[in-house]
N, C-alpha and C. Protein backbone atom coordinates (compact mmCIF):
# COMPACT_ATOMS: atom_id res chain seq x y z
N UNK A 1 99.99 126.31 83.45
CA UNK A 1 99.38 125.12 82.84
C UNK A 1 98.81 125.49 81.48
N UNK A 2 99.16 124.76 80.43
CA UNK A 2 98.69 125.11 79.09
C UNK A 2 97.20 124.94 78.97
N UNK A 3 96.57 125.77 78.12
CA UNK A 3 95.15 125.60 77.89
C UNK A 3 94.93 124.72 76.67
N UNK A 4 93.67 124.51 76.28
CA UNK A 4 93.36 123.57 75.22
C UNK A 4 93.98 123.99 73.89
N UNK A 5 94.01 125.32 73.64
CA UNK A 5 94.56 125.77 72.37
C UNK A 5 96.07 125.60 72.32
N UNK A 6 96.73 125.63 73.48
CA UNK A 6 98.18 125.47 73.53
C UNK A 6 98.59 124.00 73.50
N UNK A 7 97.73 123.13 73.98
CA UNK A 7 98.08 121.71 74.10
C UNK A 7 96.95 120.86 73.54
N UNK A 8 96.84 120.77 72.22
CA UNK A 8 95.77 119.95 71.64
C UNK A 8 95.93 118.50 72.06
N UNK A 9 94.83 117.83 72.28
CA UNK A 9 94.89 116.44 72.72
C UNK A 9 94.31 115.53 71.65
N UNK A 10 94.76 114.30 71.68
CA UNK A 10 94.19 113.27 70.82
C UNK A 10 92.98 112.71 71.57
N UNK A 11 91.82 112.72 70.94
CA UNK A 11 90.59 112.34 71.63
C UNK A 11 90.69 110.97 72.28
N UNK A 12 91.40 110.06 71.64
CA UNK A 12 91.53 108.72 72.20
C UNK A 12 92.33 108.67 73.48
N UNK A 13 93.11 109.72 73.74
CA UNK A 13 93.93 109.77 74.96
C UNK A 13 93.31 110.64 76.05
N UNK A 14 92.22 111.30 75.72
CA UNK A 14 91.63 112.24 76.67
C UNK A 14 91.23 111.58 77.98
N UNK A 15 90.62 110.43 77.90
CA UNK A 15 90.15 109.75 79.11
C UNK A 15 91.31 109.48 80.07
N UNK A 16 92.42 108.96 79.53
CA UNK A 16 93.57 108.66 80.37
C UNK A 16 94.19 109.93 80.91
N UNK A 17 94.23 110.99 80.10
CA UNK A 17 94.76 112.28 80.56
C UNK A 17 93.96 112.79 81.75
N UNK A 18 92.65 112.68 81.67
CA UNK A 18 91.79 113.18 82.74
C UNK A 18 91.96 112.36 84.02
N UNK A 19 92.07 111.05 83.87
CA UNK A 19 92.26 110.20 85.05
C UNK A 19 93.59 110.51 85.73
N UNK A 20 94.63 110.68 84.95
CA UNK A 20 95.94 111.01 85.53
C UNK A 20 95.90 112.37 86.20
N UNK A 21 95.27 113.34 85.54
CA UNK A 21 95.18 114.69 86.12
C UNK A 21 94.34 114.67 87.39
N UNK A 22 93.29 113.87 87.40
CA UNK A 22 92.46 113.77 88.59
C UNK A 22 93.19 113.17 89.76
N UNK A 23 93.99 112.15 89.50
CA UNK A 23 94.74 111.53 90.59
C UNK A 23 95.81 112.48 91.13
N UNK A 24 96.43 113.24 90.24
CA UNK A 24 97.41 114.24 90.68
C UNK A 24 96.73 115.32 91.53
N UNK A 25 95.56 115.75 91.11
CA UNK A 25 94.83 116.77 91.87
C UNK A 25 94.48 116.26 93.26
N UNK A 26 94.06 115.02 93.34
CA UNK A 26 93.71 114.44 94.64
C UNK A 26 94.93 114.33 95.55
N UNK A 27 96.11 114.20 94.95
CA UNK A 27 97.33 114.13 95.75
C UNK A 27 97.76 115.47 96.30
N UNK A 28 97.21 116.55 95.73
CA UNK A 28 97.65 117.89 96.12
C UNK A 28 96.56 118.73 96.77
N UNK A 29 95.30 118.28 96.67
CA UNK A 29 94.18 119.07 97.17
C UNK A 29 93.25 118.19 98.00
N UNK A 30 92.48 118.81 98.86
CA UNK A 30 91.42 118.09 99.56
C UNK A 30 90.36 117.69 98.53
N UNK A 31 89.75 116.54 98.74
CA UNK A 31 88.79 116.05 97.76
C UNK A 31 87.65 117.05 97.54
N UNK A 32 87.32 117.83 98.59
CA UNK A 32 86.25 118.80 98.47
C UNK A 32 86.60 119.93 97.51
N UNK A 33 87.88 120.14 97.26
CA UNK A 33 88.33 121.20 96.38
C UNK A 33 88.48 120.76 94.93
N UNK A 34 88.46 119.46 94.70
CA UNK A 34 88.67 118.93 93.35
C UNK A 34 87.38 119.06 92.55
N UNK A 35 87.49 119.65 91.37
CA UNK A 35 86.34 119.82 90.47
C UNK A 35 86.71 119.33 89.07
N UNK A 36 85.69 119.11 88.25
CA UNK A 36 85.95 118.74 86.86
C UNK A 36 86.71 119.85 86.14
N UNK A 37 86.37 121.09 86.46
CA UNK A 37 87.05 122.22 85.83
C UNK A 37 88.55 122.22 86.17
N UNK A 38 88.87 121.93 87.45
CA UNK A 38 90.27 121.89 87.86
C UNK A 38 91.00 120.74 87.19
N UNK A 39 90.35 119.61 87.09
CA UNK A 39 90.98 118.46 86.42
C UNK A 39 91.21 118.76 84.95
N UNK A 40 90.24 119.39 84.31
CA UNK A 40 90.40 119.76 82.90
C UNK A 40 91.56 120.73 82.73
N UNK A 41 91.67 121.69 83.65
CA UNK A 41 92.77 122.65 83.57
C UNK A 41 94.11 121.94 83.66
N UNK A 42 94.22 120.99 84.59
CA UNK A 42 95.47 120.26 84.76
C UNK A 42 95.78 119.38 83.55
N UNK A 43 94.74 118.89 82.89
CA UNK A 43 94.93 118.06 81.71
C UNK A 43 95.21 118.89 80.46
N UNK A 44 95.03 120.21 80.58
CA UNK A 44 95.29 121.09 79.45
C UNK A 44 94.20 121.06 78.40
N UNK A 45 92.95 120.85 78.84
CA UNK A 45 91.83 120.81 77.90
C UNK A 45 90.75 121.78 78.37
N UNK A 46 89.74 121.98 77.54
CA UNK A 46 88.66 122.89 77.90
C UNK A 46 87.85 122.33 79.06
N UNK A 47 87.15 123.21 79.77
CA UNK A 47 86.39 122.74 80.94
C UNK A 47 85.24 121.83 80.54
N UNK A 48 84.84 121.87 79.27
CA UNK A 48 83.75 121.01 78.82
C UNK A 48 84.24 119.64 78.35
N UNK A 49 85.54 119.50 78.12
CA UNK A 49 86.09 118.26 77.55
C UNK A 49 85.80 117.01 78.39
N UNK A 50 85.87 117.07 79.72
CA UNK A 50 85.63 115.85 80.50
C UNK A 50 84.28 115.20 80.25
N UNK A 51 83.29 116.01 79.83
CA UNK A 51 81.94 115.47 79.62
C UNK A 51 81.91 114.43 78.50
N UNK A 52 82.94 114.42 77.66
CA UNK A 52 82.99 113.41 76.59
C UNK A 52 83.10 112.00 77.18
N UNK A 53 83.68 111.88 78.37
CA UNK A 53 83.91 110.57 78.97
C UNK A 53 83.26 110.40 80.34
N UNK A 54 83.07 111.49 81.07
CA UNK A 54 82.56 111.40 82.44
C UNK A 54 81.40 112.37 82.62
N UNK A 55 80.19 111.87 82.83
CA UNK A 55 79.03 112.75 82.99
C UNK A 55 79.14 113.69 84.18
N UNK A 56 79.91 113.28 85.19
CA UNK A 56 80.03 114.10 86.40
C UNK A 56 81.38 113.83 87.06
N UNK A 57 81.72 114.67 88.02
CA UNK A 57 82.93 114.45 88.81
C UNK A 57 82.86 113.10 89.51
N UNK A 58 81.68 112.74 89.99
CA UNK A 58 81.52 111.47 90.68
C UNK A 58 81.87 110.28 89.82
N UNK A 59 81.58 110.36 88.54
CA UNK A 59 81.93 109.27 87.63
C UNK A 59 83.45 109.21 87.42
N UNK A 60 84.09 110.36 87.32
CA UNK A 60 85.54 110.37 87.14
C UNK A 60 86.25 109.86 88.39
N UNK A 61 85.78 110.28 89.57
CA UNK A 61 86.37 109.78 90.82
C UNK A 61 86.18 108.27 90.94
N UNK A 62 85.03 107.79 90.51
CA UNK A 62 84.78 106.34 90.57
C UNK A 62 85.78 105.58 89.71
N UNK A 63 86.10 106.13 88.55
CA UNK A 63 87.03 105.43 87.67
C UNK A 63 88.46 105.49 88.21
N UNK A 64 88.84 106.60 88.85
CA UNK A 64 90.15 106.67 89.49
C UNK A 64 90.23 105.62 90.59
N UNK A 65 89.15 105.50 91.36
CA UNK A 65 89.12 104.51 92.44
C UNK A 65 89.16 103.10 91.88
N UNK A 66 88.39 102.83 90.83
CA UNK A 66 88.38 101.49 90.23
C UNK A 66 89.76 101.14 89.68
N UNK A 67 90.39 102.10 89.04
CA UNK A 67 91.73 101.87 88.51
C UNK A 67 92.71 101.61 89.64
N UNK A 68 92.52 102.28 90.77
CA UNK A 68 93.35 102.04 91.94
C UNK A 68 93.18 100.62 92.45
N UNK A 69 91.94 100.16 92.53
CA UNK A 69 91.69 98.78 92.98
C UNK A 69 92.35 97.77 92.05
N UNK A 70 92.31 98.03 90.76
CA UNK A 70 92.93 97.11 89.80
C UNK A 70 94.44 97.04 90.01
N UNK A 71 95.08 98.18 90.24
CA UNK A 71 96.52 98.19 90.51
C UNK A 71 96.81 97.50 91.84
N UNK A 72 95.93 97.72 92.80
CA UNK A 72 96.06 97.15 94.14
C UNK A 72 96.05 95.62 94.07
N UNK A 73 95.05 95.06 93.39
CA UNK A 73 94.94 93.61 93.26
C UNK A 73 96.18 93.04 92.58
N UNK A 74 96.62 93.69 91.54
CA UNK A 74 97.80 93.22 90.82
C UNK A 74 99.04 93.25 91.70
N UNK A 75 99.22 94.34 92.46
CA UNK A 75 100.40 94.48 93.32
C UNK A 75 100.42 93.41 94.40
N UNK A 76 99.27 93.14 95.02
CA UNK A 76 99.22 92.14 96.07
C UNK A 76 99.45 90.74 95.52
N UNK A 77 98.88 90.47 94.37
CA UNK A 77 99.06 89.14 93.77
C UNK A 77 100.51 88.91 93.36
N UNK A 78 101.13 89.91 92.76
CA UNK A 78 102.52 89.76 92.33
C UNK A 78 103.45 89.57 93.53
N UNK A 79 103.18 90.31 94.62
CA UNK A 79 104.01 90.17 95.81
C UNK A 79 103.86 88.78 96.42
N UNK A 80 102.64 88.28 96.46
CA UNK A 80 102.40 86.95 97.04
C UNK A 80 103.07 85.87 96.20
N UNK A 81 102.94 85.97 94.89
CA UNK A 81 103.55 84.98 94.00
C UNK A 81 105.06 84.99 94.12
N UNK A 82 105.65 86.18 94.18
CA UNK A 82 107.10 86.29 94.31
C UNK A 82 107.58 85.68 95.62
N UNK A 83 106.84 85.92 96.70
CA UNK A 83 107.24 85.39 98.01
C UNK A 83 107.24 83.87 98.02
N UNK A 84 106.25 83.26 97.37
CA UNK A 84 106.18 81.80 97.29
C UNK A 84 107.32 81.26 96.42
N UNK A 85 107.58 81.94 95.32
CA UNK A 85 108.63 81.48 94.40
C UNK A 85 110.02 81.53 95.04
N UNK A 86 110.20 82.43 95.99
CA UNK A 86 111.51 82.61 96.62
C UNK A 86 111.79 81.57 97.70
N UNK A 87 110.76 80.81 98.10
CA UNK A 87 110.95 79.84 99.17
C UNK A 87 110.51 78.45 98.70
N UNK A 88 111.45 77.58 98.51
CA UNK A 88 111.14 76.23 98.05
C UNK A 88 110.78 75.33 99.22
N UNK A 89 110.00 74.31 98.94
CA UNK A 89 109.71 73.28 99.94
C UNK A 89 108.72 73.66 101.02
N UNK A 90 107.92 74.69 100.79
CA UNK A 90 106.93 75.08 101.79
C UNK A 90 105.74 74.12 101.77
N UNK A 91 105.21 73.83 102.95
CA UNK A 91 103.98 73.06 103.03
C UNK A 91 102.82 73.96 102.59
N UNK A 92 101.67 73.37 102.28
CA UNK A 92 100.52 74.21 101.91
C UNK A 92 100.18 75.25 102.98
N UNK A 93 100.25 74.89 104.26
CA UNK A 93 99.97 75.85 105.33
C UNK A 93 100.99 76.97 105.34
N UNK A 94 102.25 76.63 105.16
CA UNK A 94 103.30 77.65 105.12
C UNK A 94 103.14 78.55 103.91
N UNK A 95 102.74 77.98 102.79
CA UNK A 95 102.51 78.79 101.59
C UNK A 95 101.39 79.80 101.84
N UNK A 96 100.33 79.34 102.49
CA UNK A 96 99.20 80.23 102.76
C UNK A 96 99.61 81.39 103.66
N UNK A 97 100.38 81.08 104.69
CA UNK A 97 100.84 82.13 105.61
C UNK A 97 101.82 83.08 104.92
N UNK A 98 102.72 82.51 104.12
CA UNK A 98 103.68 83.33 103.39
C UNK A 98 102.96 84.27 102.43
N UNK A 99 101.94 83.76 101.78
CA UNK A 99 101.17 84.56 100.82
C UNK A 99 100.46 85.72 101.51
N UNK A 100 99.82 85.44 102.64
CA UNK A 100 99.08 86.49 103.34
C UNK A 100 100.02 87.56 103.90
N UNK A 101 101.15 87.13 104.42
CA UNK A 101 102.14 88.09 104.93
C UNK A 101 102.67 88.98 103.80
N UNK A 102 102.97 88.37 102.67
CA UNK A 102 103.48 89.15 101.53
C UNK A 102 102.43 90.14 101.05
N UNK A 103 101.18 89.74 101.07
CA UNK A 103 100.12 90.66 100.68
C UNK A 103 100.00 91.82 101.66
N UNK A 104 100.21 91.53 102.94
CA UNK A 104 100.18 92.61 103.94
C UNK A 104 101.27 93.63 103.69
N UNK A 105 102.46 93.15 103.39
CA UNK A 105 103.57 94.06 103.10
C UNK A 105 103.29 94.87 101.84
N UNK A 106 102.76 94.20 100.82
CA UNK A 106 102.45 94.89 99.57
C UNK A 106 101.34 95.92 99.77
N UNK A 107 100.39 95.61 100.63
CA UNK A 107 99.30 96.54 100.95
C UNK A 107 99.89 97.84 101.49
N UNK A 108 100.81 97.73 102.44
CA UNK A 108 101.40 98.92 103.04
C UNK A 108 102.22 99.71 102.03
N UNK A 109 102.95 99.01 101.17
CA UNK A 109 103.72 99.70 100.13
C UNK A 109 102.80 100.41 99.15
N UNK A 110 101.71 99.74 98.78
CA UNK A 110 100.77 100.35 97.85
C UNK A 110 100.17 101.62 98.44
N UNK A 111 99.75 101.55 99.70
CA UNK A 111 99.14 102.72 100.33
C UNK A 111 100.08 103.91 100.33
N UNK A 112 101.35 103.67 100.59
CA UNK A 112 102.31 104.76 100.65
C UNK A 112 102.66 105.28 99.26
N UNK A 113 102.75 104.39 98.28
CA UNK A 113 103.15 104.79 96.93
C UNK A 113 101.99 105.34 96.10
N UNK A 114 100.76 105.04 96.51
CA UNK A 114 99.57 105.48 95.76
C UNK A 114 98.59 106.14 96.72
N UNK A 115 99.11 107.09 97.50
CA UNK A 115 98.33 107.65 98.60
C UNK A 115 97.01 108.27 98.13
N UNK A 116 97.03 109.02 97.03
CA UNK A 116 95.82 109.70 96.58
C UNK A 116 94.75 108.68 96.18
N UNK A 117 95.12 107.69 95.37
CA UNK A 117 94.16 106.67 94.95
C UNK A 117 93.70 105.84 96.15
N UNK A 118 94.63 105.49 97.03
CA UNK A 118 94.30 104.67 98.19
C UNK A 118 93.27 105.36 99.09
N UNK A 119 93.49 106.64 99.36
CA UNK A 119 92.57 107.36 100.23
C UNK A 119 91.21 107.53 99.58
N UNK A 120 91.19 107.62 98.25
CA UNK A 120 89.91 107.68 97.55
C UNK A 120 89.23 106.32 97.59
N UNK A 121 89.99 105.24 97.40
CA UNK A 121 89.44 103.89 97.42
C UNK A 121 88.77 103.55 98.74
N UNK A 122 89.42 103.93 99.84
CA UNK A 122 88.96 103.51 101.16
C UNK A 122 88.43 104.67 102.01
N UNK A 123 88.28 105.85 101.40
CA UNK A 123 87.79 107.01 102.13
C UNK A 123 86.31 107.23 101.92
N UNK A 124 85.89 108.47 102.16
CA UNK A 124 84.47 108.80 102.02
C UNK A 124 84.07 108.81 100.55
N UNK A 125 82.81 108.43 100.28
CA UNK A 125 82.34 108.31 98.90
C UNK A 125 81.13 109.19 98.64
N UNK A 126 81.03 110.30 99.36
CA UNK A 126 79.86 111.17 99.23
C UNK A 126 79.70 111.65 97.80
N UNK A 127 80.81 112.04 97.17
CA UNK A 127 80.75 112.60 95.82
C UNK A 127 81.00 111.57 94.72
N UNK A 128 81.08 110.30 95.07
CA UNK A 128 81.44 109.28 94.10
C UNK A 128 80.21 108.49 93.64
N UNK A 129 80.16 108.23 92.34
CA UNK A 129 79.09 107.40 91.79
C UNK A 129 79.55 105.95 91.82
N UNK A 130 78.75 105.08 92.41
CA UNK A 130 79.13 103.67 92.50
C UNK A 130 78.82 102.98 91.17
N UNK A 131 79.73 103.16 90.23
CA UNK A 131 79.56 102.59 88.90
C UNK A 131 79.79 101.08 88.93
N UNK A 132 79.30 100.35 87.93
CA UNK A 132 79.55 98.90 87.88
C UNK A 132 81.04 98.57 87.89
N UNK A 133 81.85 99.38 87.24
CA UNK A 133 83.29 99.12 87.21
C UNK A 133 83.90 99.24 88.59
N UNK A 134 83.49 100.26 89.33
CA UNK A 134 84.01 100.45 90.69
C UNK A 134 83.54 99.33 91.61
N UNK A 135 82.29 98.97 91.52
CA UNK A 135 81.76 97.90 92.37
C UNK A 135 82.50 96.59 92.09
N UNK A 136 82.70 96.30 90.81
CA UNK A 136 83.39 95.06 90.44
C UNK A 136 84.84 95.06 90.89
N UNK A 137 85.52 96.20 90.73
CA UNK A 137 86.93 96.28 91.12
C UNK A 137 87.10 96.16 92.62
N UNK A 138 86.22 96.82 93.38
CA UNK A 138 86.34 96.75 94.84
C UNK A 138 86.00 95.35 95.34
N UNK A 139 85.03 94.69 94.69
CA UNK A 139 84.71 93.32 95.10
C UNK A 139 85.87 92.38 94.81
N UNK A 140 86.56 92.58 93.71
CA UNK A 140 87.72 91.74 93.37
C UNK A 140 88.80 91.86 94.44
N UNK A 141 89.00 93.09 94.95
CA UNK A 141 90.00 93.30 95.99
C UNK A 141 89.59 92.57 97.28
N UNK A 142 88.32 92.68 97.63
CA UNK A 142 87.83 92.00 98.84
C UNK A 142 87.92 90.48 98.67
N UNK A 143 87.53 89.97 97.52
CA UNK A 143 87.58 88.53 97.27
C UNK A 143 89.01 88.02 97.34
N UNK A 144 89.96 88.81 96.90
CA UNK A 144 91.37 88.42 96.96
C UNK A 144 91.82 88.24 98.41
N UNK A 145 91.43 89.17 99.28
CA UNK A 145 91.81 89.08 100.69
C UNK A 145 91.09 87.92 101.37
N UNK A 146 89.82 87.73 101.04
CA UNK A 146 89.06 86.61 101.63
C UNK A 146 89.71 85.27 101.24
N UNK A 147 90.10 85.13 100.00
CA UNK A 147 90.72 83.88 99.55
C UNK A 147 92.04 83.63 100.27
N UNK A 148 92.84 84.68 100.42
CA UNK A 148 94.14 84.53 101.08
C UNK A 148 93.96 84.21 102.57
N UNK A 149 93.02 84.88 103.22
CA UNK A 149 92.77 84.61 104.63
C UNK A 149 92.15 83.23 104.82
N UNK A 150 91.24 82.86 103.91
CA UNK A 150 90.60 81.56 104.01
C UNK A 150 91.58 80.41 103.91
N UNK A 151 92.64 80.60 103.14
CA UNK A 151 93.65 79.55 103.01
C UNK A 151 94.40 79.34 104.33
N UNK A 152 94.37 80.35 105.20
CA UNK A 152 95.04 80.25 106.51
C UNK A 152 94.07 79.74 107.57
N UNK A 153 92.86 80.29 107.60
CA UNK A 153 91.94 79.98 108.70
C UNK A 153 90.86 78.97 108.34
N UNK A 154 90.75 78.62 107.07
CA UNK A 154 89.70 77.71 106.64
C UNK A 154 88.52 78.47 106.06
N UNK A 155 87.81 77.84 105.15
CA UNK A 155 86.73 78.52 104.43
C UNK A 155 85.60 78.97 105.33
N UNK A 156 85.36 78.27 106.44
CA UNK A 156 84.26 78.66 107.33
C UNK A 156 84.52 79.98 108.04
N UNK A 157 85.78 80.36 108.13
CA UNK A 157 86.13 81.60 108.84
C UNK A 157 86.83 82.59 107.92
N UNK A 158 86.69 82.38 106.62
CA UNK A 158 87.45 83.19 105.66
C UNK A 158 87.12 84.68 105.76
N UNK A 159 85.85 85.02 105.83
CA UNK A 159 85.48 86.44 105.84
C UNK A 159 85.89 87.10 107.15
N UNK A 160 85.72 86.41 108.28
CA UNK A 160 86.16 86.97 109.55
C UNK A 160 87.68 87.13 109.56
N UNK A 161 88.38 86.14 109.02
CA UNK A 161 89.83 86.24 108.93
C UNK A 161 90.26 87.38 108.05
N UNK A 162 89.55 87.59 106.94
CA UNK A 162 89.86 88.69 106.04
C UNK A 162 89.66 90.03 106.72
N UNK A 163 88.58 90.16 107.48
CA UNK A 163 88.33 91.41 108.21
C UNK A 163 89.39 91.67 109.26
N UNK A 164 89.83 90.61 109.92
CA UNK A 164 90.88 90.75 110.93
C UNK A 164 92.17 91.25 110.28
N UNK A 165 92.58 90.60 109.21
CA UNK A 165 93.82 90.98 108.53
C UNK A 165 93.70 92.38 107.93
N UNK A 166 92.58 92.64 107.27
CA UNK A 166 92.38 93.94 106.62
C UNK A 166 92.36 95.07 107.65
N UNK A 167 91.64 94.87 108.75
CA UNK A 167 91.56 95.91 109.79
C UNK A 167 92.95 96.26 110.32
N UNK A 168 93.75 95.25 110.54
CA UNK A 168 95.09 95.46 111.08
C UNK A 168 95.96 96.23 110.10
N UNK A 169 96.03 95.76 108.87
CA UNK A 169 96.92 96.37 107.88
C UNK A 169 96.39 97.74 107.45
N UNK A 170 95.09 97.84 107.25
CA UNK A 170 94.51 99.13 106.86
C UNK A 170 94.71 100.17 107.96
N UNK A 171 94.53 99.74 109.20
CA UNK A 171 94.74 100.67 110.31
C UNK A 171 96.16 101.19 110.35
N UNK A 172 97.11 100.30 110.15
CA UNK A 172 98.51 100.69 110.16
C UNK A 172 98.82 101.64 109.00
N UNK A 173 98.30 101.32 107.81
CA UNK A 173 98.52 102.17 106.64
C UNK A 173 97.91 103.56 106.85
N UNK A 174 96.71 103.60 107.41
CA UNK A 174 96.03 104.87 107.63
C UNK A 174 96.77 105.73 108.64
N UNK A 175 97.26 105.12 109.72
CA UNK A 175 98.04 105.86 110.71
C UNK A 175 99.31 106.44 110.09
N UNK A 176 99.96 105.66 109.24
CA UNK A 176 101.19 106.12 108.60
C UNK A 176 100.91 107.30 107.67
N UNK A 177 99.87 107.18 106.85
CA UNK A 177 99.55 108.24 105.90
C UNK A 177 99.12 109.53 106.62
N UNK A 178 98.47 109.37 107.77
CA UNK A 178 98.02 110.53 108.53
C UNK A 178 99.12 111.13 109.40
N UNK A 179 100.29 110.50 109.40
CA UNK A 179 101.39 111.01 110.21
C UNK A 179 101.18 110.79 111.70
N UNK A 180 100.43 109.74 112.04
CA UNK A 180 100.10 109.48 113.45
C UNK A 180 101.02 108.46 114.10
N UNK A 181 101.93 107.87 113.34
CA UNK A 181 102.88 106.93 113.93
C UNK A 181 103.96 107.74 114.63
N UNK A 182 104.22 107.49 115.91
CA UNK A 182 105.26 108.25 116.62
C UNK A 182 106.57 108.26 115.83
N UNK A 183 107.16 109.43 115.63
CA UNK A 183 108.33 109.54 114.75
C UNK A 183 109.56 108.80 115.25
N UNK A 184 109.63 108.49 116.54
CA UNK A 184 110.82 107.81 117.05
C UNK A 184 110.75 106.29 116.90
N UNK A 185 109.63 105.78 116.39
CA UNK A 185 109.51 104.33 116.20
C UNK A 185 110.17 103.92 114.89
N UNK A 186 110.95 102.84 114.90
CA UNK A 186 111.55 102.35 113.65
C UNK A 186 110.47 101.74 112.78
N UNK A 187 110.07 102.44 111.70
CA UNK A 187 108.89 102.06 110.95
C UNK A 187 108.97 100.63 110.42
N UNK A 188 110.06 100.26 109.77
CA UNK A 188 110.12 98.93 109.16
C UNK A 188 109.98 97.84 110.22
N UNK A 189 110.61 98.03 111.37
CA UNK A 189 110.53 97.04 112.44
C UNK A 189 109.10 96.94 112.95
N UNK A 190 108.47 98.09 113.18
CA UNK A 190 107.09 98.10 113.68
C UNK A 190 106.15 97.48 112.66
N UNK A 191 106.35 97.81 111.39
CA UNK A 191 105.52 97.26 110.32
C UNK A 191 105.59 95.73 110.32
N UNK A 192 106.81 95.19 110.32
CA UNK A 192 106.97 93.75 110.27
C UNK A 192 106.46 93.08 111.54
N UNK A 193 106.71 93.70 112.67
CA UNK A 193 106.25 93.14 113.94
C UNK A 193 104.72 93.10 113.99
N UNK A 194 104.09 94.15 113.50
CA UNK A 194 102.63 94.21 113.48
C UNK A 194 102.05 93.13 112.57
N UNK A 195 102.67 92.94 111.42
CA UNK A 195 102.21 91.91 110.50
C UNK A 195 102.36 90.51 111.11
N UNK A 196 103.47 90.28 111.79
CA UNK A 196 103.67 88.98 112.44
C UNK A 196 102.66 88.75 113.54
N UNK A 197 102.33 89.80 114.30
CA UNK A 197 101.32 89.68 115.34
C UNK A 197 99.93 89.43 114.73
N UNK A 198 99.68 90.07 113.60
CA UNK A 198 98.42 89.83 112.88
C UNK A 198 98.31 88.36 112.51
N UNK A 199 99.42 87.78 112.03
CA UNK A 199 99.38 86.38 111.63
C UNK A 199 99.14 85.47 112.83
N UNK A 200 99.76 85.79 113.97
CA UNK A 200 99.54 84.97 115.16
C UNK A 200 98.09 85.04 115.62
N UNK A 201 97.49 86.21 115.45
CA UNK A 201 96.10 86.38 115.88
C UNK A 201 95.10 85.72 114.96
N UNK A 202 95.47 85.54 113.70
CA UNK A 202 94.53 85.00 112.73
C UNK A 202 94.59 83.48 112.65
N UNK A 203 95.71 82.90 113.00
CA UNK A 203 95.87 81.45 112.84
C UNK A 203 94.97 80.68 113.80
N UNK A 204 94.39 79.56 113.32
CA UNK A 204 93.51 78.76 114.19
C UNK A 204 94.24 78.27 115.43
């Protein structure tokens, strides 16, 4: 890995370099092993360089998590919009169910494709600083799920519906990432079947 003298950086790009290096480190190491010094090494900068943007490791982890939530919200919204656009003539109730199902599928794809960020977003936060950006990003993700669930179950039960849907999909994603799904099960079939059962359980 090049050092700072071998790989000079443009100061305006340093923040993004550090965030990318941090996410890569989290994908290869236990969170307890990740340090600012290690992230700086991977970014090819001096060990003091991260302090220009992040006062502590906790602040850098918070920004990786916040950035993950932002990608997460975008991925779920795009999947839901695409699913509605692909089916003409749906009633409002059918649109709501189609949207929530599409978000569930996108949730599982996001977890698998962004495992390091996902596990940081929904894992332990002992070393993470709850910055305003992280709090806002995580609330946006929760509000998105509440709105989608509320369209199915009604506003009076929106939060309970969101917890039901989230618990089901998050549990499935976590089992998959941990390698706890029995290897002989056809994953796509089980995934879709679980999502359909979730919808049956959530509907009034």
